[in-house]
Amino acid sequence: MIDRKSGQLIGSSRYHGYDPEHDEVEIGWAFLARSHWGGTYNAELERLMIRHAFQFVGTVTFLVGRDNVRSQRAVERIGGLLNGTRADGSGAESLLYRIDSHTSEAPQVLSPDFGGA
């Protein structure tokens, strides 16, 4: 992520764990400069990534650490629904959130006006 005003690199995210059998992909490992926390940057990035992913899969997942309350709330604000747990890439048990393209949350995420608030 690059801040258009300053041209400064402020964060990143990526896709992981594409699973054609379950028609899903994970979005994660998001990092955002502390100076940009609390704004619209992360929500906008996730909205763009979700919209792109929904062109190819029916479900987007997020794995969030049990103690990472800030990220849990952020995923919930964009429509993520808690769906149990799953081991992450390091083997740690993480909370599994899902957004399905056919649920009531999907239109909110796909809306151009979506701000994640």
Protein backbone atom coordinates (compact mmCIF):
# COMPACT_ATOMS: atom_id res chain seq x y z
CA MET A 1 0.00 0.00 0.00
CA ILE A 2 1.24 3.43 -0.93
CA ASP A 3 -0.20 6.64 0.48
CA ARG A 4 -1.08 8.66 -2.64
CA LYS A 5 -0.59 11.98 -0.84
CA SER A 6 2.94 11.31 0.38
CA GLY A 7 4.05 8.52 -1.97
CA GLN A 8 5.19 6.65 1.15
CA LEU A 9 4.93 2.88 1.52
CA ILE A 10 2.49 2.37 4.40
CA GLY A 11 1.60 -1.34 4.38
CA SER A 12 0.98 -4.62 2.64
CA SER A 13 -1.27 -7.67 2.53
CA ARG A 14 -1.49 -10.81 0.42
CA TYR A 15 -3.53 -13.79 -0.63
CA HIS A 16 -2.66 -17.25 0.67
CA GLY A 17 -4.01 -20.76 0.76
CA TYR A 18 -6.05 -20.81 -2.42
CA ASP A 19 -8.28 -23.89 -2.13
CA PRO A 20 -10.17 -24.68 -5.35
CA GLU A 21 -11.93 -27.65 -3.70
CA HIS A 22 -13.53 -25.35 -1.11
CA ASP A 23 -13.76 -22.37 -3.50
CA GLU A 24 -11.86 -20.09 -1.10
CA VAL A 25 -8.75 -18.01 -0.59
CA GLU A 26 -7.30 -16.42 2.53
CA ILE A 27 -6.45 -12.74 2.86
CA GLY A 28 -3.92 -11.97 5.53
CA TRP A 29 -0.57 -10.90 6.81
CA ALA A 30 -1.71 -7.31 6.58
CA PHE A 31 0.72 -4.74 7.93
CA LEU A 32 -0.09 -1.07 8.19
CA ALA A 33 2.16 1.72 9.46
CA ARG A 34 1.00 2.80 12.90
CA SER A 35 0.66 6.37 11.58
CA HIS A 36 -2.21 5.13 9.40
CA TRP A 37 -4.13 3.05 11.97
CA GLY A 38 -7.74 3.99 12.57
CA GLY A 39 -8.31 5.44 9.13
CA THR A 40 -9.81 4.01 5.98
CA TYR A 41 -6.59 2.56 4.53
CA ASN A 42 -6.90 -1.03 5.78
CA ALA A 43 -10.64 -1.24 5.07
CA GLU A 44 -10.08 0.04 1.53
CA LEU A 45 -7.30 -2.46 0.89
CA GLU A 46 -9.41 -5.34 2.17
CA ARG A 47 -12.42 -4.21 0.13
CA LEU A 48 -10.33 -4.15 -3.02
CA MET A 49 -8.80 -7.55 -2.27
CA ILE A 50 -12.19 -9.10 -1.45
CA ARG A 51 -13.77 -7.69 -4.61
CA HIS A 52 -10.91 -9.09 -6.67
CA ALA A 53 -11.04 -12.49 -4.94
CA PHE A 54 -14.81 -12.81 -5.49
CA GLN A 55 -14.13 -12.83 -9.24
CA PHE A 56 -12.45 -16.23 -8.74
CA VAL A 57 -13.76 -17.78 -5.49
CA GLY A 58 -16.97 -17.80 -3.49
CA THR A 59 -15.40 -17.39 -0.05
CA VAL A 60 -12.68 -15.25 1.47
CA THR A 61 -11.19 -16.32 4.79
CA PHE A 62 -9.15 -14.53 7.44
CA LEU A 63 -7.09 -16.21 10.16
CA VAL A 64 -6.68 -14.03 13.24
CA GLY A 65 -4.75 -14.74 16.42
CA ARG A 66 -6.87 -15.44 19.51
CA ASP A 67 -5.30 -12.50 21.35
CA ASN A 68 -5.43 -10.07 18.42
CA VAL A 69 -8.65 -8.31 19.39
CA ARG A 70 -7.94 -5.27 17.17
CA SER A 71 -7.79 -7.46 14.04
CA GLN A 72 -10.79 -9.53 15.13
CA ARG A 73 -12.90 -6.36 15.37
CA ALA A 74 -11.56 -5.06 12.06
CA VAL A 75 -12.54 -8.28 10.25
CA GLU A 76 -15.96 -8.23 11.90
CA ARG A 77 -16.51 -4.60 10.77
CA ILE A 78 -16.01 -5.62 7.14
CA GLY A 79 -18.52 -8.47 7.45
CA GLY A 80 -16.33 -11.40 8.54
CA LEU A 81 -18.24 -14.05 10.46
CA LEU A 82 -16.48 -16.20 13.02
CA ASN A 83 -16.50 -19.79 11.78
CA GLY A 84 -14.40 -21.77 14.26
CA THR A 85 -10.65 -22.17 14.33
CA ARG A 86 -7.93 -23.35 11.98
CA ALA A 87 -4.17 -23.77 12.24
CA ASP A 88 -2.26 -20.98 10.54
CA GLY A 89 0.91 -21.43 8.50
CA SER A 90 3.02 -21.73 11.64
CA GLY A 91 0.69 -24.31 13.18
CA ALA A 92 -0.81 -21.93 15.76
CA GLU A 93 -4.55 -22.24 16.27
CA SER A 94 -6.23 -19.08 14.93
CA LEU A 95 -9.78 -17.82 14.72
CA LEU A 96 -11.30 -18.44 11.29
CA TYR A 97 -13.47 -15.69 9.81
CA ARG A 98 -15.32 -16.02 6.50
CA ILE A 99 -17.04 -13.76 4.03
CA ASP A 100 -19.09 -15.61 1.43
CA SER A 101 -19.98 -13.91 -1.84
CA HIS A 102 -23.62 -15.01 -1.53
CA THR A 103 -24.26 -13.74 2.04
CA SER A 104 -25.92 -10.53 3.10
CA GLU A 105 -22.49 -9.10 4.05
CA ALA A 106 -21.15 -9.41 0.50
CA PRO A 107 -23.11 -6.47 -0.99
CA GLN A 108 -21.75 -4.24 1.82
CA VAL A 109 -18.18 -5.26 1.04
CA LEU A 110 -18.70 -4.92 -2.70
CA SER A 111 -20.33 -1.49 -2.45
CA PRO A 112 -18.19 1.41 -3.73
CA ASP A 113 -19.26 3.32 -0.60
CA PHE A 114 -17.91 0.67 1.77
CA GLY A 115 -15.65 2.18 4.40
CA GLY A 116 -15.41 -0.63 6.93
CA ALA A 117 -16.94 1.47 9.72
